[in-house]
Amino acid sequence: MDQQWLSVGKLVNTHGIRGEVKIFSQTDFPEERFAPNKVLTLMNEENGQQLKVEVLSSREHKGMYIVKLKGYENINEVEKYKGWSLKVSKEDLVELDEGEYYQHQIIGCKVVTDEGAELGVITEILVPGANDVWVIQPPKGKQVLIPVIDEVVLNVDVANKVVKVHLMEGLI
């Protein structure tokens, strides 16, 4: 079986001439993912090339992470990796607290209302700002957008891939 990967960041540019890179974080755990001695996989999405790298140091800077990779001492050695993704395997997931879940666990969940009606399946998660929005595809018809707020999302059962929601007036 192929190894499954989760994105934790994207290498968007170099930083300075000493081999540091700018990483756009795509993880809720950047302090852990970009910690010294962490091993990540650089991956070229276009051709599937992979390269294991080890974090030497990192720091947050203007919404990005400046990361120094072990063994890369100048800009010329890291410049070729611009645009590559930083990934971890699914086996390297961080343990979550009770009631928390990863986005990939939500995609594909069946959504039912507290009245027993089936709305469809979650196909996408939008992150517009204040709260996430789940895109639900019903068996027929237009997609439904559900805000991920306590008043709407009543229960998430990741094991059985079922989400129970309360449809507030005017939501659909």
Protein backbone atom coordinates (compact mmCIF):
# COMPACT_ATOMS: atom_id res chain seq x y z
CA MET A 1 0.00 0.00 0.00
CA ASP A 2 1.27 3.48 -0.83
CA GLN A 3 2.26 5.69 2.05
CA GLN A 4 -0.24 8.47 2.69
CA TRP A 5 1.08 11.99 3.19
CA LEU A 6 -0.25 15.09 4.94
CA SER A 7 0.97 18.58 4.08
CA VAL A 8 2.47 20.61 6.90
CA GLY A 9 3.85 23.46 4.80
CA LYS A 10 5.04 24.78 1.47
CA LEU A 11 8.55 26.02 0.77
CA VAL A 12 7.74 29.38 -0.84
CA ASN A 13 11.13 31.06 -1.02
CA THR A 14 14.67 31.30 0.25
CA HIS A 15 15.63 33.64 3.10
CA GLY A 16 19.05 35.24 3.04
CA ILE A 17 22.14 33.59 1.62
CA ARG A 18 22.89 31.03 4.34
CA GLY A 19 20.44 28.35 3.21
CA GLU A 20 17.36 29.31 5.24
CA VAL A 21 13.95 28.87 3.62
CA LYS A 22 10.55 30.50 4.07
CA ILE A 23 7.80 28.02 4.85
CA PHE A 24 4.08 28.78 4.58
CA SER A 25 2.67 26.69 7.41
CA GLN A 26 -0.29 24.40 6.67
CA THR A 27 -0.43 22.78 10.09
CA ASP A 28 -2.03 23.54 13.43
CA PHE A 29 1.19 22.38 15.10
CA PRO A 30 4.02 24.44 13.54
CA GLU A 31 6.03 24.57 16.78
CA GLU A 32 6.14 20.77 16.78
CA ARG A 33 6.49 20.18 13.02
CA PHE A 34 9.33 22.69 12.55
CA ALA A 35 11.12 21.90 15.83
CA PRO A 36 14.85 21.11 15.76
CA ASN A 37 15.68 17.50 14.78
CA LYS A 38 12.25 16.90 13.21
CA VAL A 39 12.45 14.92 9.98
CA LEU A 40 10.12 16.06 7.19
CA THR A 41 9.75 15.02 3.57
CA LEU A 42 10.18 17.62 0.84
CA MET A 43 7.98 16.62 -2.07
CA ASN A 44 7.70 17.90 -5.62
CA GLU A 45 3.98 17.57 -6.43
CA GLU A 46 4.60 17.69 -10.19
CA ASN A 47 6.95 14.72 -10.55
CA GLY A 48 6.69 12.96 -7.18
CA GLN A 49 10.33 13.52 -6.22
CA GLN A 50 10.92 13.15 -2.49
CA LEU A 51 13.72 14.18 -0.19
CA LYS A 52 14.00 13.62 3.57
CA VAL A 53 15.21 16.72 5.43
CA GLU A 54 15.95 17.46 9.07
CA VAL A 55 15.13 20.76 10.75
CA LEU A 56 18.13 22.44 12.34
CA SER A 57 16.27 25.52 13.60
CA SER A 58 13.13 27.55 12.93
CA ARG A 59 11.46 30.77 13.92
CA GLU A 60 8.17 32.48 13.13
CA HIS A 61 8.53 35.65 11.03
CA LYS A 62 5.67 37.72 9.56
CA GLY A 63 3.22 34.83 9.32
CA MET A 64 5.80 32.46 7.83
CA TYR A 65 8.39 30.15 9.33
CA ILE A 66 12.05 30.66 8.60
CA VAL A 67 13.58 27.19 8.69
CA LYS A 68 17.21 26.12 8.52
CA LEU A 69 17.62 22.58 7.21
CA LYS A 70 20.52 20.41 8.30
CA GLY A 71 23.21 20.09 5.61
CA TYR A 72 22.10 23.08 3.52
CA GLU A 73 24.54 25.94 4.01
CA ASN A 74 23.80 28.41 1.20
CA ILE A 75 21.05 29.78 -1.01
CA ASN A 76 22.20 27.78 -4.05
CA GLU A 77 21.57 24.46 -2.30
CA VAL A 78 17.94 25.26 -1.33
CA GLU A 79 16.76 27.45 -4.21
CA LYS A 80 15.83 24.46 -6.37
CA TYR A 81 13.22 23.37 -3.79
CA LYS A 82 11.05 26.50 -4.13
CA GLY A 83 7.43 25.44 -4.57
CA TRP A 84 7.94 21.99 -3.02
CA SER A 85 5.65 20.81 -0.21
CA LEU A 86 6.71 19.69 3.24
CA LYS A 87 4.91 16.54 4.28
CA VAL A 88 4.65 14.00 7.07
CA SER A 89 3.29 10.49 6.86
CA LYS A 90 -0.10 9.68 8.37
CA GLU A 91 1.73 7.56 10.95
CA ASP A 92 3.38 10.74 12.27
CA LEU A 93 0.12 12.45 13.29
CA VAL A 94 -0.03 14.43 16.51
CA GLU A 95 -2.45 12.96 19.07
CA LEU A 96 -5.51 15.19 19.40
CA ASP A 97 -7.60 15.93 22.47
CA GLU A 98 -11.07 14.43 22.94
CA GLY A 99 -13.53 16.01 20.50
CA GLU A 100 -10.84 17.18 18.06
CA TYR A 101 -10.20 15.73 14.61
CA TYR A 102 -8.18 16.25 11.48
CA GLN A 103 -9.71 17.70 8.32
CA HIS A 104 -8.93 14.54 6.34
CA GLN A 105 -11.06 12.60 8.85
CA ILE A 106 -14.08 14.86 8.18
CA ILE A 107 -14.00 14.63 4.38
CA GLY A 108 -16.33 11.81 3.35
CA CYS A 109 -18.45 11.87 6.51
CA LYS A 110 -22.21 11.50 6.09
CA VAL A 111 -24.18 14.46 7.50
CA VAL A 112 -27.53 13.92 9.21
CA THR A 113 -29.77 16.43 10.97
CA ASP A 114 -30.97 16.10 14.56
CA GLU A 115 -34.39 15.32 13.03
CA GLY A 116 -32.99 12.29 11.16
CA ALA A 117 -32.81 13.73 7.61
CA GLU A 118 -29.71 12.87 5.59
CA LEU A 119 -28.09 15.96 4.01
CA GLY A 120 -25.25 14.34 2.08
CA VAL A 121 -21.48 13.89 2.35
CA ILE A 122 -18.79 16.42 3.30
CA THR A 123 -16.65 16.95 0.21
CA GLU A 124 -14.58 20.00 1.14
CA ILE A 125 -13.66 22.26 4.05
CA LEU A 126 -13.47 26.00 3.45
CA VAL A 127 -11.50 28.26 5.81
CA PRO A 128 -12.85 31.76 5.11
CA GLY A 129 -12.09 33.36 8.47
CA ALA A 130 -13.96 33.22 11.76
CA ASN A 131 -14.94 29.56 11.44
CA ASP A 132 -14.58 26.71 8.97
CA VAL A 133 -17.40 25.91 6.55
CA TRP A 134 -18.18 22.35 5.45
CA VAL A 135 -19.31 21.81 1.86
CA ILE A 136 -21.93 19.05 1.78
CA GLN A 137 -22.92 17.33 -1.46
CA PRO A 138 -26.43 15.88 -1.31
CA PRO A 139 -27.35 12.86 -3.48
CA LYS A 140 -29.18 15.27 -5.82
CA GLY A 141 -29.15 19.03 -6.10
CA LYS A 142 -26.92 21.89 -5.05
CA GLN A 143 -24.18 21.81 -2.47
CA VAL A 144 -25.04 22.89 1.07
CA LEU A 145 -22.69 25.04 3.17
CA ILE A 146 -22.70 24.44 6.93
CA PRO A 147 -20.76 26.67 9.34
CA VAL A 148 -18.66 24.75 11.85
CA ILE A 149 -20.01 26.33 15.04
CA ASP A 150 -21.28 24.78 18.28
CA GLU A 151 -24.89 25.78 17.56
CA VAL A 152 -24.88 23.82 14.28
CA VAL A 153 -22.45 20.89 14.70
CA LEU A 154 -23.84 18.67 17.45
CA ASN A 155 -21.75 15.53 17.17
CA VAL A 156 -18.81 14.29 15.10
CA ASP A 157 -18.34 10.52 15.03
CA VAL A 158 -15.09 10.04 13.11
CA ALA A 159 -15.05 6.27 13.66
CA ASN A 160 -18.44 5.79 11.96
CA LYS A 161 -17.97 8.74 9.55
CA VAL A 162 -21.21 10.45 10.66
CA VAL A 163 -21.78 14.07 11.64
CA LYS A 164 -24.98 15.22 13.33
CA VAL A 165 -26.04 18.85 12.77
CA HIS A 166 -28.84 21.17 13.82
CA LEU A 167 -30.19 23.26 10.95
CA MET A 168 -30.83 26.73 12.31
CA GLU A 169 -33.64 28.68 10.69
CA GLY A 170 -32.56 30.15 7.34
CA LEU A 171 -29.38 28.06 7.11
CA ILE A 172 -30.49 26.21 3.97
